[in-house]
């Protein structure tokens, strides 16, 4: 089943701390994104797996399911002009549990002066 691009969010893993990406994924899933795809290349693949596992086991335990993980090798040209093979991974997460309730605005209080 191909995810609907309108409800799919992408999170690309890079050099930032793992928890930065965890919060991005959780925010996307809590805001109604049908599928969040965590993507990484090369040395960041391990961090991508860590991000997905932290989301699944600590933040949204029992509320997300893994989709079909895609792995491939991309042929890239490096700074020296040589071609190199770089591994990549895409890990889709789908929300299975209910969305959290939307925050409500506090009720206005009557703070006009009392006679």
Protein backbone atom coordinates (compact mmCIF):
# COMPACT_ATOMS: atom_id res chain seq x y z
CA UNK A 1 0.00 0.00 0.00
CA UNK A 2 1.49 3.34 -1.05
CA UNK A 3 1.11 6.11 1.52
CA UNK A 4 -0.82 9.21 0.49
CA UNK A 5 1.78 11.96 -0.11
CA UNK A 6 -0.65 14.52 1.35
CA UNK A 7 -0.51 12.82 4.77
CA UNK A 8 3.14 11.69 4.61
CA UNK A 9 5.90 13.57 6.42
CA UNK A 10 9.64 13.09 5.94
CA UNK A 11 12.33 13.42 8.60
CA UNK A 12 15.89 13.36 7.26
CA UNK A 13 18.50 12.26 9.79
CA UNK A 14 21.73 14.26 9.95
CA UNK A 15 24.31 15.46 12.47
CA UNK A 16 21.93 16.88 15.13
CA UNK A 17 21.35 15.02 18.42
CA UNK A 18 19.06 11.99 18.30
CA UNK A 19 16.39 13.56 20.50
CA UNK A 20 15.97 16.44 18.03
CA UNK A 21 14.75 13.96 15.43
CA UNK A 22 12.67 12.02 17.98
CA UNK A 23 10.75 15.20 18.81
CA UNK A 24 10.27 15.96 15.10
CA UNK A 25 8.79 12.50 14.48
CA UNK A 26 6.54 12.62 17.56
CA UNK A 27 5.33 16.11 16.62
CA UNK A 28 4.49 15.01 13.08
CA UNK A 29 2.63 11.91 14.30
CA UNK A 30 0.72 13.93 16.92
CA UNK A 31 -0.27 16.58 14.39
CA UNK A 32 -2.13 14.08 12.21
CA UNK A 33 0.47 12.97 9.66
CA UNK A 34 -0.67 9.57 8.44
CA UNK A 35 2.86 8.30 7.86
CA UNK A 36 6.21 9.69 8.95
CA UNK A 37 9.18 8.37 6.97
CA UNK A 38 12.56 8.52 8.69
CA UNK A 39 15.31 8.65 6.04
CA UNK A 40 19.09 8.43 6.43
CA UNK A 41 22.25 7.74 4.45
CA UNK A 42 25.61 6.27 5.35
CA UNK A 43 26.77 6.74 8.94
CA UNK A 44 23.42 8.26 9.95
CA UNK A 45 21.58 4.95 9.41
CA UNK A 46 22.29 3.82 12.97
CA UNK A 47 20.92 7.09 14.34
CA UNK A 48 17.76 6.65 12.22
CA UNK A 49 17.18 3.25 13.79
CA UNK A 50 17.76 4.76 17.25
CA UNK A 51 15.22 7.53 16.53
CA UNK A 52 12.55 5.04 15.45
CA UNK A 53 13.16 2.81 18.46
CA UNK A 54 13.00 5.70 20.95
CA UNK A 55 9.72 6.86 19.39
CA UNK A 56 8.27 3.33 19.46
CA UNK A 57 9.47 2.27 22.91
CA UNK A 58 9.54 5.46 25.00
CA UNK A 59 7.26 8.12 23.57
CA UNK A 60 4.45 6.41 21.64
CA UNK A 61 4.59 2.88 23.03
CA UNK A 62 1.92 0.73 21.39
CA UNK A 63 0.68 3.65 19.27
CA UNK A 64 2.83 3.30 16.15
CA UNK A 65 3.55 0.53 13.67
CA UNK A 66 6.46 0.08 11.31
CA UNK A 67 5.78 0.07 7.60
CA UNK A 68 7.88 -1.67 4.94
CA UNK A 69 11.50 -0.63 5.49
CA UNK A 70 13.32 0.21 2.26
CA UNK A 71 17.08 -0.09 1.90
CA UNK A 72 19.13 0.73 -1.15
CA UNK A 73 22.52 1.83 -2.39
CA UNK A 74 22.84 5.23 -4.02
CA UNK A 75 25.70 6.14 -6.34
CA UNK A 76 26.95 9.63 -5.43
CA UNK A 77 29.81 11.82 -6.63
CA UNK A 78 32.00 12.97 -3.75
CA UNK A 79 33.90 16.26 -3.40
CA UNK A 80 36.90 14.84 -5.24
CA UNK A 81 34.75 14.00 -8.26
CA UNK A 82 34.86 10.24 -7.67
CA UNK A 83 31.76 8.13 -7.53
CA UNK A 84 30.99 6.24 -4.33
CA UNK A 85 28.27 3.88 -3.17
CA UNK A 86 26.28 5.13 -0.19
CA UNK A 87 23.74 3.00 1.66
CA UNK A 88 20.37 4.52 2.54
CA UNK A 89 17.32 3.51 4.55
CA UNK A 90 13.72 4.69 4.75
CA UNK A 91 11.67 3.63 7.79
CA UNK A 92 7.94 4.48 7.70
CA UNK A 93 6.01 4.86 10.95
CA UNK A 94 2.21 4.80 11.00
CA UNK A 95 0.12 5.94 13.95
CA UNK A 96 -2.15 3.16 15.22
CA UNK A 97 -3.35 4.73 18.46
CA UNK A 98 -5.63 7.73 18.90
CA UNK A 99 -4.32 11.26 18.44
CA UNK A 100 -3.87 13.26 21.64
CA UNK A 101 -6.67 15.72 22.41
CA UNK A 102 -6.27 19.17 20.91
CA UNK A 103 -5.27 21.81 23.44
CA UNK A 104 -8.12 24.05 24.50
CA UNK A 105 -7.93 27.75 25.25
CA UNK A 106 -8.46 28.68 28.88
CA UNK A 107 -11.88 30.12 29.69
CA UNK A 108 -11.90 33.89 29.99
CA UNK A 109 -12.15 35.16 33.54
CA UNK A 110 -14.11 38.19 34.63
CA UNK A 111 -11.45 40.42 36.11
CA UNK A 112 -13.31 43.70 35.79
CA UNK A 113 -13.33 45.73 39.01
CA UNK A 114 -15.91 44.71 41.60
CA UNK A 115 -18.08 47.57 42.99
